[in-house]
Amino acid sequence: MKSKTHKTTSSVVNASAATAAGVAELSVVIVTRNRAKILSRCLESLKSQTRTPKELIVVNNASTDQTTQVVMTFATQVSWPVRLVVETKIGYPLVYNRGLNEAKTDWVIFLDDDCVADRNWLAAYGREIDKIHPETSQIVALVGQSETTPPATVWALAVLAADQFWKFSALKANHEVEDLETLDNKNLAYFKPFLIQNQLSFNETTMSEPGGGAAEDADLGMQIQQAGGRAKFLPQAKIWHQDPNNCGWYWRRWWNSAVAVGSYRRRWQIKRQEMGLITRRPKLRFHQFWPKFCYQHQLTGGKAWLVWLIVQISFGLIKLKTNLRF
């Protein structure tokens, strides 16, 4: 994104004017590859949004299925612009950068293609962004609430429990995110002028590392925090994510995540220690988090114990693999 640094001043001015008027324009970005059926469900959830985006950008990462047809059909069914962008080079950091660079607005909201958005999802982001004044606020990222797609198996609930504990343990009482490595691209908004001004982007050099750069959101989160940016959790911006719902899928995901997080941590561990982030996390212990999670997801009896056991085994293995603390 370095080539766009000269645009920083005009972007910030435009952002201030739009926010002051209470009509911040929002770009939604979805990256996808060969998941046309899943993408179709995601797009369907955007039809009924109570606030419409300035544009939707779908980055098609060299798909060979019906992705193009799905997007073009959807574009005829909504009143706002839909742009299909084809990226032939394959890789998470690269396609996310393509989406950022293509976006024409100052706030760019990422939504994974295997997510379904609540009808008030975009409105929740919009209300918060409308209140942010770029000239005085250091909030440059907003992360929404993620739940698992029902009906939830013990495997999907284990993913969700680990995911929510990881994020909630990094939250302050005012919903500000204390540790930005917990930023999660499946439901996340970035203030693009801050990224341009500080020459920040998804780290494409990690594509050659073990894990293929799949912890790209954690890496960019650390770049943002190092540059002085802050983030806030927005529970009203809710989506449902298609989590692994069987044993094989769960452990494949676990392995891929562990490898990617291990590579990310090797890059950032020393810097995180210098920033004091290692000693500040976690403030929330799992045994404190667990009862509320069970209550919210109506999890009882043997099913609750099984989910707890899966999560504890996963935490233990990840700690051995990546030296993460829980």
Protein backbone atom coordinates (compact mmCIF):
# COMPACT_ATOMS: atom_id res chain seq x y z
CA MET A 1 0.00 0.00 0.00
CA LYS A 2 3.03 2.27 -0.03
CA SER A 3 2.23 3.59 -3.47
CA LYS A 4 -0.93 5.22 -2.07
CA THR A 5 0.69 7.14 0.76
CA HIS A 6 0.35 10.45 -1.10
CA LYS A 7 -3.45 10.17 -0.85
CA THR A 8 -3.50 10.20 2.95
CA THR A 9 -4.38 13.87 3.49
CA SER A 10 -7.39 13.94 1.18
CA SER A 11 -8.67 10.62 2.58
CA VAL A 12 -8.61 11.87 6.15
CA VAL A 13 -10.37 15.11 5.20
CA ASN A 14 -13.07 13.19 3.37
CA ALA A 15 -13.49 10.84 6.30
CA SER A 16 -13.93 13.72 8.73
CA ALA A 17 -16.51 15.42 6.55
CA ALA A 18 -18.52 12.24 6.03
CA THR A 19 -18.48 11.31 9.70
CA ALA A 20 -19.38 14.82 10.84
CA ALA A 21 -22.41 14.67 8.58
CA GLY A 22 -23.40 11.33 10.10
CA VAL A 23 -23.40 9.59 6.74
CA ALA A 24 -20.15 7.63 6.64
CA GLU A 25 -19.86 5.60 3.46
CA LEU A 26 -18.97 1.93 3.92
CA SER A 27 -17.33 -0.60 1.64
CA VAL A 28 -17.96 -4.30 2.25
CA VAL A 29 -15.32 -6.74 1.01
CA ILE A 30 -15.75 -10.49 0.63
CA VAL A 31 -12.89 -12.69 -0.58
CA THR A 32 -13.79 -16.11 -1.96
CA ARG A 33 -12.42 -19.11 -3.79
CA ASN A 34 -14.46 -22.02 -5.18
CA ARG A 35 -17.29 -21.76 -2.64
CA ALA A 36 -20.12 -20.52 -4.82
CA LYS A 37 -22.91 -22.20 -2.83
CA ILE A 38 -21.60 -20.92 0.49
CA LEU A 39 -21.00 -17.46 -0.98
CA SER A 40 -24.59 -17.37 -2.21
CA ARG A 41 -25.89 -17.73 1.37
CA CYS A 42 -23.58 -14.96 2.52
CA LEU A 43 -24.73 -12.60 -0.22
CA GLU A 44 -28.38 -13.42 0.49
CA SER A 45 -27.94 -12.09 4.03
CA LEU A 46 -26.82 -8.74 2.64
CA LYS A 47 -30.05 -8.18 0.72
CA SER A 48 -32.08 -7.37 3.84
CA GLN A 49 -29.56 -5.08 5.58
CA THR A 50 -31.16 -2.08 7.28
CA ARG A 51 -28.26 0.09 6.10
CA THR A 52 -26.83 -0.29 2.64
CA PRO A 53 -23.14 -0.10 1.72
CA LYS A 54 -21.57 2.34 -0.69
CA GLU A 55 -20.27 -0.70 -2.53
CA LEU A 56 -19.74 -4.44 -2.24
CA ILE A 57 -16.46 -5.80 -3.55
CA VAL A 58 -16.16 -9.54 -4.11
CA VAL A 59 -12.57 -10.62 -4.69
CA ASN A 60 -12.70 -13.85 -6.67
CA ASN A 61 -9.44 -15.67 -5.97
CA ALA A 62 -9.13 -17.67 -9.21
CA SER A 63 -12.31 -19.69 -8.68
CA THR A 64 -13.23 -22.36 -11.23
CA ASP A 65 -16.83 -22.91 -10.08
CA GLN A 66 -19.97 -20.77 -10.47
CA THR A 67 -18.69 -17.89 -8.31
CA THR A 68 -18.82 -15.31 -11.12
CA GLN A 69 -22.39 -16.24 -12.02
CA VAL A 70 -23.49 -16.09 -8.37
CA VAL A 71 -22.06 -12.59 -7.94
CA MET A 72 -23.42 -11.25 -11.22
CA THR A 73 -26.90 -12.57 -10.44
CA PHE A 74 -26.79 -11.01 -6.98
CA ALA A 75 -25.75 -7.67 -8.48
CA THR A 76 -29.04 -7.50 -10.40
CA GLN A 77 -31.03 -7.99 -7.20
CA VAL A 78 -29.74 -5.05 -5.13
CA SER A 79 -29.80 -1.29 -5.64
CA TRP A 80 -26.19 -0.60 -4.65
CA PRO A 81 -22.97 -1.19 -6.62
CA VAL A 82 -21.46 -4.68 -6.66
CA ARG A 83 -17.98 -5.11 -8.10
CA LEU A 84 -16.41 -8.45 -8.96
CA VAL A 85 -12.61 -8.34 -8.87
CA VAL A 86 -10.59 -11.31 -10.11
CA GLU A 87 -7.27 -12.00 -8.39
CA THR A 88 -5.34 -14.79 -10.08
CA LYS A 89 -2.57 -15.04 -7.47
CA ILE A 90 -3.70 -17.28 -4.63
CA GLY A 91 -3.12 -16.46 -0.97
CA TYR A 92 -4.86 -14.92 2.04
CA PRO A 93 -2.72 -11.81 2.63
CA LEU A 94 -2.65 -10.99 -1.06
CA VAL A 95 -6.41 -11.19 -1.68
CA TYR A 96 -7.19 -9.16 1.44
CA ASN A 97 -4.80 -6.46 0.26
CA ARG A 98 -6.53 -6.50 -3.10
CA GLY A 99 -9.85 -5.89 -1.37
CA LEU A 100 -8.42 -3.03 0.70
CA ASN A 101 -6.86 -1.39 -2.33
CA GLU A 102 -10.03 -1.69 -4.41
CA ALA A 103 -12.26 -0.11 -1.75
CA LYS A 104 -13.24 3.50 -2.48
CA THR A 105 -14.37 4.48 1.02
CA ASP A 106 -12.40 5.21 4.18
CA TRP A 107 -13.99 2.45 6.24
CA VAL A 108 -13.62 -1.04 4.79
CA ILE A 109 -15.56 -3.92 6.36
CA PHE A 110 -14.47 -7.51 5.72
CA LEU A 111 -16.95 -10.39 5.82
CA ASP A 112 -15.93 -14.00 5.19
CA ASP A 113 -17.80 -15.85 2.46
CA ASP A 114 -18.91 -18.58 4.90
CA CYS A 115 -20.69 -16.10 7.16
CA VAL A 116 -24.31 -14.98 7.33
CA ALA A 117 -24.85 -11.43 8.58
CA ASP A 118 -27.60 -10.28 10.92
CA ARG A 119 -29.92 -7.83 9.15
CA ASN A 120 -28.66 -5.01 11.42
CA TRP A 121 -25.00 -5.98 10.95
CA LEU A 122 -24.00 -3.10 8.66
CA ALA A 123 -26.18 -0.62 10.56
CA ALA A 124 -24.32 -1.49 13.77
CA TYR A 125 -21.00 -0.72 12.12
CA GLY A 126 -22.44 2.43 10.60
CA ARG A 127 -23.76 3.80 13.89
CA GLU A 128 -20.39 3.34 15.57
CA ILE A 129 -18.41 4.74 12.64
CA ASP A 130 -20.71 7.76 12.41
CA LYS A 131 -19.65 8.67 15.97
CA ILE A 132 -15.91 8.38 15.30
CA HIS A 133 -14.07 11.60 14.52
CA PRO A 134 -10.78 10.67 12.81
CA GLU A 135 -9.04 13.87 13.90
CA THR A 136 -9.49 13.01 17.60
CA SER A 137 -10.10 9.25 17.82
CA GLN A 138 -7.43 6.55 17.76
CA ILE A 139 -10.02 3.85 17.03
CA VAL A 140 -9.06 2.55 13.59
CA ALA A 141 -10.54 -0.96 13.70
CA LEU A 142 -13.85 -2.42 14.82
CA VAL A 143 -14.40 -6.14 15.35
CA GLY A 144 -17.89 -7.60 15.36
CA GLN A 145 -19.53 -10.49 17.20
CA SER A 146 -19.23 -13.97 15.69
CA GLU A 147 -21.47 -16.94 16.51
CA THR A 148 -21.58 -20.41 14.99
CA THR A 149 -24.10 -21.44 12.35
CA PRO A 150 -26.89 -23.57 13.87
CA PRO A 151 -27.46 -26.40 14.49
CA ALA A 152 -24.21 -26.47 16.44
CA THR A 153 -22.35 -29.74 17.03
CA VAL A 154 -19.91 -30.20 19.92
CA TRP A 155 -17.08 -29.54 17.45
CA ALA A 156 -18.54 -26.25 16.25
CA LEU A 157 -19.23 -25.18 19.82
CA ALA A 158 -15.65 -26.02 20.78
CA VAL A 159 -14.39 -23.76 17.99
CA LEU A 160 -16.74 -21.00 19.11
CA ALA A 161 -15.83 -21.31 22.79
CA ALA A 162 -12.10 -21.12 22.07
CA ASP A 163 -12.62 -18.24 19.63
CA GLN A 164 -14.76 -16.16 22.00
CA PHE A 165 -12.52 -16.81 25.00
CA TRP A 166 -9.47 -15.77 22.98
CA LYS A 167 -11.14 -12.49 22.00
CA PHE A 168 -12.96 -11.70 25.25
CA SER A 169 -9.80 -12.20 27.32
CA ALA A 170 -8.31 -9.26 25.42
CA LEU A 171 -11.19 -6.85 26.09
CA LYS A 172 -11.30 -3.95 28.52
CA ALA A 173 -14.49 -3.04 30.38
CA ASN A 174 -15.33 -0.38 27.77
CA HIS A 175 -15.11 -2.96 24.95
CA GLU A 176 -11.78 -1.61 23.74
CA VAL A 177 -9.44 -4.34 22.51
CA GLU A 178 -6.26 -4.45 24.58
CA ASP A 179 -4.36 -6.91 22.38
CA LEU A 180 -4.90 -6.43 18.66
CA GLU A 181 -3.59 -9.85 17.68
CA THR A 182 -7.17 -10.99 18.35
CA LEU A 183 -8.54 -9.04 15.36
CA ASP A 184 -10.50 -11.43 13.15
CA ASN A 185 -11.00 -10.71 9.46
CA LYS A 186 -14.24 -12.64 9.14
CA ASN A 187 -16.11 -9.71 10.70
CA LEU A 188 -13.87 -6.66 10.92
CA ALA A 189 -13.74 -3.00 9.83
CA TYR A 190 -10.56 -1.03 9.11
CA PHE A 191 -10.03 2.73 8.79
CA LYS A 192 -8.11 2.74 5.52
CA PRO A 193 -6.48 6.21 5.80
CA PHE A 194 -4.66 5.11 8.97
CA LEU A 195 -3.27 2.08 7.16
CA ILE A 196 -2.13 4.19 4.23
CA GLN A 197 -0.63 6.91 6.41
CA ASN A 198 1.42 4.34 8.34
CA GLN A 199 2.17 2.17 5.29
CA LEU A 200 0.45 -0.86 6.80
CA SER A 201 -0.98 -3.82 4.91
CA PHE A 202 -1.49 -7.55 5.17
CA ASN A 203 1.97 -9.13 5.22
CA GLU A 204 2.38 -10.92 1.89
CA THR A 205 5.89 -12.14 2.76
CA THR A 206 4.26 -14.66 5.12
CA MET A 207 2.80 -16.58 2.17
CA SER A 208 6.10 -18.47 1.89
CA GLU A 209 6.08 -19.43 5.59
CA PRO A 210 4.45 -22.52 7.15
CA GLY A 211 0.71 -21.84 7.26
CA GLY A 212 0.78 -19.74 4.10
CA GLY A 213 0.16 -16.48 5.95
CA ALA A 214 -3.22 -17.55 7.33
CA ALA A 215 -2.76 -15.48 10.52
CA GLU A 216 -2.79 -12.34 8.39
CA ASP A 217 -5.34 -10.56 10.59
CA ALA A 218 -3.29 -11.06 13.77
CA ASP A 219 -0.21 -9.79 11.96
CA LEU A 220 -1.96 -6.64 10.71
CA GLY A 221 -3.46 -6.15 14.17
CA MET A 222 0.03 -6.05 15.65
CA GLN A 223 1.17 -3.60 12.96
CA ILE A 224 -1.76 -1.34 13.86
CA GLN A 225 -1.04 -1.54 17.59
CA GLN A 226 2.66 -0.84 17.05
CA ALA A 227 1.69 2.26 15.03
CA GLY A 228 -0.51 3.57 17.87
CA GLY A 229 -3.89 2.50 16.53
CA ARG A 230 -6.66 1.13 18.72
CA ALA A 231 -9.62 -1.19 18.19
CA LYS A 232 -13.06 -1.70 19.70
CA PHE A 233 -15.35 -4.71 20.01
CA LEU A 234 -18.82 -4.17 18.57
CA PRO A 235 -21.19 -6.94 19.77
CA GLN A 236 -24.14 -5.50 17.85
CA ALA A 237 -22.38 -6.24 14.52
CA LYS A 238 -23.30 -9.92 14.57
CA ILE A 239 -22.64 -12.70 12.09
CA TRP A 240 -22.94 -16.49 12.07
CA HIS A 241 -19.87 -18.38 10.86
CA GLN A 242 -19.76 -21.90 9.44
CA ASP A 243 -17.43 -23.57 11.92
CA PRO A 244 -16.11 -27.16 11.63
CA ASN A 245 -18.94 -29.49 12.63
CA ASN A 246 -17.18 -32.88 12.70
CA CYS A 247 -14.06 -34.40 14.21
CA GLY A 248 -11.91 -34.58 11.08
CA TRP A 249 -12.71 -31.05 9.98
CA TYR A 250 -12.09 -29.73 13.49
CA TRP A 251 -8.61 -31.20 13.84
CA ARG A 252 -7.57 -30.22 10.29
CA ARG A 253 -8.55 -26.66 11.12
CA TRP A 254 -6.74 -26.89 14.44
CA TRP A 255 -3.52 -28.04 12.76
CA ASN A 256 -3.64 -25.39 10.04
CA SER A 257 -4.33 -22.66 12.60
CA ALA A 258 -1.58 -23.87 14.93
CA VAL A 259 0.98 -23.84 12.11
CA ALA A 260 -0.04 -20.34 10.97
CA VAL A 261 -0.14 -18.93 14.50
CA GLY A 262 3.24 -20.49 15.24
CA SER A 263 4.77 -18.67 12.27
CA TYR A 264 3.08 -15.42 13.30
CA ARG A 265 4.32 -15.71 16.89
CA ARG A 266 7.91 -16.30 15.80
CA ARG A 267 7.77 -12.99 13.93
CA TRP A 268 6.19 -10.98 16.73
CA GLN A 269 7.12 -12.59 20.06
CA ILE A 270 10.05 -10.31 20.90
CA LYS A 271 8.14 -7.18 19.89
CA ARG A 272 5.11 -8.31 21.92
CA GLN A 273 7.34 -8.67 24.98
CA GLU A 274 8.73 -5.18 24.42
CA MET A 275 5.18 -3.81 24.17
CA GLY A 276 4.19 -5.52 27.42
CA LEU A 277 1.46 -7.59 25.80
CA ILE A 278 2.67 -10.94 27.12
CA THR A 279 2.22 -9.98 30.77
CA ARG A 280 -1.10 -8.18 30.19
CA ARG A 281 -2.88 -11.25 28.82
CA PRO A 282 -5.03 -13.01 29.73
CA LYS A 283 -7.08 -11.20 32.36
CA LEU A 284 -9.94 -13.66 31.95
CA ARG A 285 -9.50 -17.32 32.88
CA PHE A 286 -11.40 -20.03 31.05
CA HIS A 287 -13.18 -21.26 34.18
CA GLN A 288 -14.54 -17.71 34.59
CA PHE A 289 -15.66 -17.53 30.96
CA TRP A 290 -17.18 -21.01 30.72
CA PRO A 291 -20.41 -20.71 32.82
CA LYS A 292 -21.61 -17.66 30.90
CA PHE A 293 -20.81 -19.32 27.57
CA CYS A 294 -22.82 -22.41 28.58
CA TYR A 295 -25.77 -20.26 29.68
CA GLN A 296 -25.78 -18.18 26.49
CA HIS A 297 -25.63 -21.27 24.26
CA GLN A 298 -27.92 -23.49 26.36
CA LEU A 299 -25.12 -25.98 26.84
CA THR A 300 -25.72 -28.50 29.64
CA GLY A 301 -24.94 -32.01 30.82
CA GLY A 302 -22.71 -34.38 28.92
CA LYS A 303 -22.59 -32.15 25.86
CA ALA A 304 -21.16 -29.31 27.94
CA TRP A 305 -18.51 -31.57 29.43
CA LEU A 306 -17.55 -32.90 25.99
CA VAL A 307 -17.16 -29.40 24.55
CA TRP A 308 -15.09 -28.39 27.59
CA LEU A 309 -12.85 -31.44 27.14
CA ILE A 310 -12.27 -30.75 23.43
CA VAL A 311 -11.36 -27.14 24.18
CA GLN A 312 -8.96 -28.09 26.98
CA ILE A 313 -7.18 -30.67 24.82
CA SER A 314 -6.93 -28.12 22.03
CA PHE A 315 -5.50 -25.45 24.34
CA GLY A 316 -2.92 -27.90 25.66
CA LEU A 317 -1.80 -28.93 22.19
CA ILE A 318 -1.67 -25.34 20.92
CA LYS A 319 0.41 -24.32 23.93
CA LEU A 320 2.91 -27.05 23.09
CA LYS A 321 2.94 -26.04 19.43
CA THR A 322 3.02 -22.24 19.70
CA ASN A 323 3.85 -21.35 23.32
CA LEU A 324 0.58 -19.41 23.64
CA ARG A 325 -0.77 -18.74 27.13
CA PHE A 326 -4.35 -19.53 28.22
